[in-house]
């Protein structure tokens, strides 16, 4: 069976209040895109979005933030929260 390929592209990601250094926002965005793509390929998506469409908002979960959270870890957590909201 051929594995699906999904590309997620985030044009703008607002990270208000997160403990990241200036210039790390792009790394967080790339991590969110990569992890969300992986989650969508591996876990699929709810039937409401499977046929296409848009949603005005996605209820997210919580993420754990430390004083020096690594951008890659933050991105993975954000993607997990978004993915969870897409499949509610």
C-alpha atoms as a PDB file:
ATOM      1  CA  UNK A   1       0.000   0.000   0.000  1.00  0.00           C
ATOM      2  CA  UNK A   2       1.323   3.419  -0.946  1.00  0.00           C
ATOM      3  CA  UNK A   3       1.828   5.797   1.967  1.00  0.00           C
ATOM      4  CA  UNK A   4      -0.008   9.122   1.726  1.00  0.00           C
ATOM      5  CA  UNK A   5       1.959  12.312   1.489  1.00  0.00           C
ATOM      6  CA  UNK A   6       0.597  15.402   3.188  1.00  0.00           C
ATOM      7  CA  UNK A   7       2.251  18.809   3.173  1.00  0.00           C
ATOM      8  CA  UNK A   8       1.197  21.343   5.763  1.00  0.00           C
ATOM      9  CA  UNK A   9       2.117  24.958   5.165  1.00  0.00           C
ATOM     10  CA  UNK A  10       1.527  27.610   7.806  1.00  0.00           C
ATOM     11  CA  UNK A  11       1.701  31.127   6.481  1.00  0.00           C
ATOM     12  CA  UNK A  12       1.500  32.865   9.850  1.00  0.00           C
ATOM     13  CA  UNK A  13       1.813  31.507  13.377  1.00  0.00           C
ATOM     14  CA  UNK A  14       1.265  33.857  16.317  1.00  0.00           C
ATOM     15  CA  UNK A  15       3.252  32.839  19.403  1.00  0.00           C
ATOM     16  CA  UNK A  16       2.236  35.402  22.013  1.00  0.00           C
ATOM     17  CA  UNK A  17       3.641  34.753  25.462  1.00  0.00           C
ATOM     18  CA  UNK A  18       5.836  31.777  24.578  1.00  0.00           C
ATOM     19  CA  UNK A  19       9.371  31.737  25.990  1.00  0.00           C
ATOM     20  CA  UNK A  20      11.270  31.725  22.711  1.00  0.00           C
ATOM     21  CA  UNK A  21      14.136  33.885  21.592  1.00  0.00           C
ATOM     22  CA  UNK A  22      13.746  36.375  18.761  1.00  0.00           C
ATOM     23  CA  UNK A  23      14.227  34.522  15.494  1.00  0.00           C
ATOM     24  CA  UNK A  24      13.075  31.147  16.845  1.00  0.00           C
ATOM     25  CA  UNK A  25       9.512  31.576  15.623  1.00  0.00           C
ATOM     26  CA  UNK A  26      10.398  30.162  12.203  1.00  0.00           C
ATOM     27  CA  UNK A  27      11.828  27.021  13.836  1.00  0.00           C
ATOM     28  CA  UNK A  28       8.611  26.566  15.832  1.00  0.00           C
ATOM     29  CA  UNK A  29       6.503  27.021  12.686  1.00  0.00           C
ATOM     30  CA  UNK A  30       8.557  24.454  10.757  1.00  0.00           C
ATOM     31  CA  UNK A  31       8.286  21.985  13.648  1.00  0.00           C
ATOM     32  CA  UNK A  32       4.491  22.449  13.753  1.00  0.00           C
ATOM     33  CA  UNK A  33       4.251  21.863   9.996  1.00  0.00           C
ATOM     34  CA  UNK A  34       6.423  18.723  10.100  1.00  0.00           C
ATOM     35  CA  UNK A  35       4.737  17.166  13.126  1.00  0.00           C
ATOM     36  CA  UNK A  36       1.211  17.970  11.977  1.00  0.00           C
ATOM     37  CA  UNK A  37       1.989  16.434   8.576  1.00  0.00           C
ATOM     38  CA  UNK A  38       3.296  13.297  10.285  1.00  0.00           C
ATOM     39  CA  UNK A  39       0.251  13.041  12.565  1.00  0.00           C
ATOM     40  CA  UNK A  40      -2.147  13.447   9.650  1.00  0.00           C
ATOM     41  CA  UNK A  41      -0.403  10.747   7.610  1.00  0.00           C
ATOM     42  CA  UNK A  42      -0.043   8.296  10.498  1.00  0.00           C
ATOM     43  CA  UNK A  43      -3.335   8.901  12.291  1.00  0.00           C
ATOM     44  CA  UNK A  44      -5.639  10.201   9.603  1.00  0.00           C
ATOM     45  CA  UNK A  45      -8.283  12.838  10.057  1.00  0.00           C
ATOM     46  CA  UNK A  46     -11.920  12.934  11.085  1.00  0.00           C
ATOM     47  CA  UNK A  47     -14.557  12.335   8.434  1.00  0.00           C
ATOM     48  CA  UNK A  48     -15.745  15.966   8.586  1.00  0.00           C
ATOM     49  CA  UNK A  49     -12.486  17.189   7.041  1.00  0.00           C
ATOM     50  CA  UNK A  50     -11.529  14.116   5.028  1.00  0.00           C
ATOM     51  CA  UNK A  51     -13.509  15.296   2.015  1.00  0.00           C
ATOM     52  CA  UNK A  52     -11.972  18.770   2.166  1.00  0.00           C
ATOM     53  CA  UNK A  53     -13.139  22.051   3.547  1.00  0.00           C
ATOM     54  CA  UNK A  54     -12.138  24.691   5.999  1.00  0.00           C
ATOM     55  CA  UNK A  55     -12.816  25.311   9.649  1.00  0.00           C
ATOM     56  CA  UNK A  56     -12.878  28.757  11.237  1.00  0.00           C
ATOM     57  CA  UNK A  57     -11.151  27.560  14.401  1.00  0.00           C
ATOM     58  CA  UNK A  58      -9.803  24.430  16.045  1.00  0.00           C
ATOM     59  CA  UNK A  59     -10.167  23.781  19.768  1.00  0.00           C
ATOM     60  CA  UNK A  60      -6.693  23.042  21.051  1.00  0.00           C
ATOM     61  CA  UNK A  61      -5.355  21.187  24.007  1.00  0.00           C
ATOM     62  CA  UNK A  62      -2.757  22.286  26.468  1.00  0.00           C
ATOM     63  CA  UNK A  63       1.001  22.389  26.097  1.00  0.00           C
ATOM     64  CA  UNK A  64       3.731  22.470  28.725  1.00  0.00           C
ATOM     65  CA  UNK A  65       6.048  25.423  28.591  1.00  0.00           C
ATOM     66  CA  UNK A  66       9.339  25.652  30.412  1.00  0.00           C
ATOM     67  CA  UNK A  67      11.596  28.657  30.797  1.00  0.00           C
ATOM     68  CA  UNK A  68      13.844  27.447  28.002  1.00  0.00           C
ATOM     69  CA  UNK A  69      11.539  25.310  25.874  1.00  0.00           C
ATOM     70  CA  UNK A  70      13.211  24.159  22.674  1.00  0.00           C
ATOM     71  CA  UNK A  71      11.427  25.416  19.532  1.00  0.00           C
ATOM     72  CA  UNK A  72      11.177  21.865  18.114  1.00  0.00           C
ATOM     73  CA  UNK A  73       9.476  20.597  21.289  1.00  0.00           C
ATOM     74  CA  UNK A  74       7.074  23.536  21.345  1.00  0.00           C
ATOM     75  CA  UNK A  75       6.221  22.914  17.695  1.00  0.00           C
ATOM     76  CA  UNK A  76       5.515  19.238  18.340  1.00  0.00           C
ATOM     77  CA  UNK A  77       3.261  20.063  21.277  1.00  0.00           C
ATOM     78  CA  UNK A  78       1.364  22.710  19.317  1.00  0.00           C
ATOM     79  CA  UNK A  79       0.881  20.275  16.412  1.00  0.00           C
ATOM     80  CA  UNK A  80      -0.407  17.611  18.810  1.00  0.00           C
ATOM     81  CA  UNK A  81      -2.896  20.046  20.301  1.00  0.00           C
ATOM     82  CA  UNK A  82      -4.116  21.108  16.841  1.00  0.00           C
ATOM     83  CA  UNK A  83      -4.353  17.514  15.640  1.00  0.00           C
ATOM     84  CA  UNK A  84      -6.362  16.578  18.719  1.00  0.00           C
ATOM     85  CA  UNK A  85      -8.748  19.445  18.022  1.00  0.00           C
ATOM     86  CA  UNK A  86      -9.190  18.359  14.401  1.00  0.00           C
ATOM     87  CA  UNK A  87     -10.264  14.900  15.473  1.00  0.00           C
ATOM     88  CA  UNK A  88     -12.780  15.795  18.181  1.00  0.00           C
END
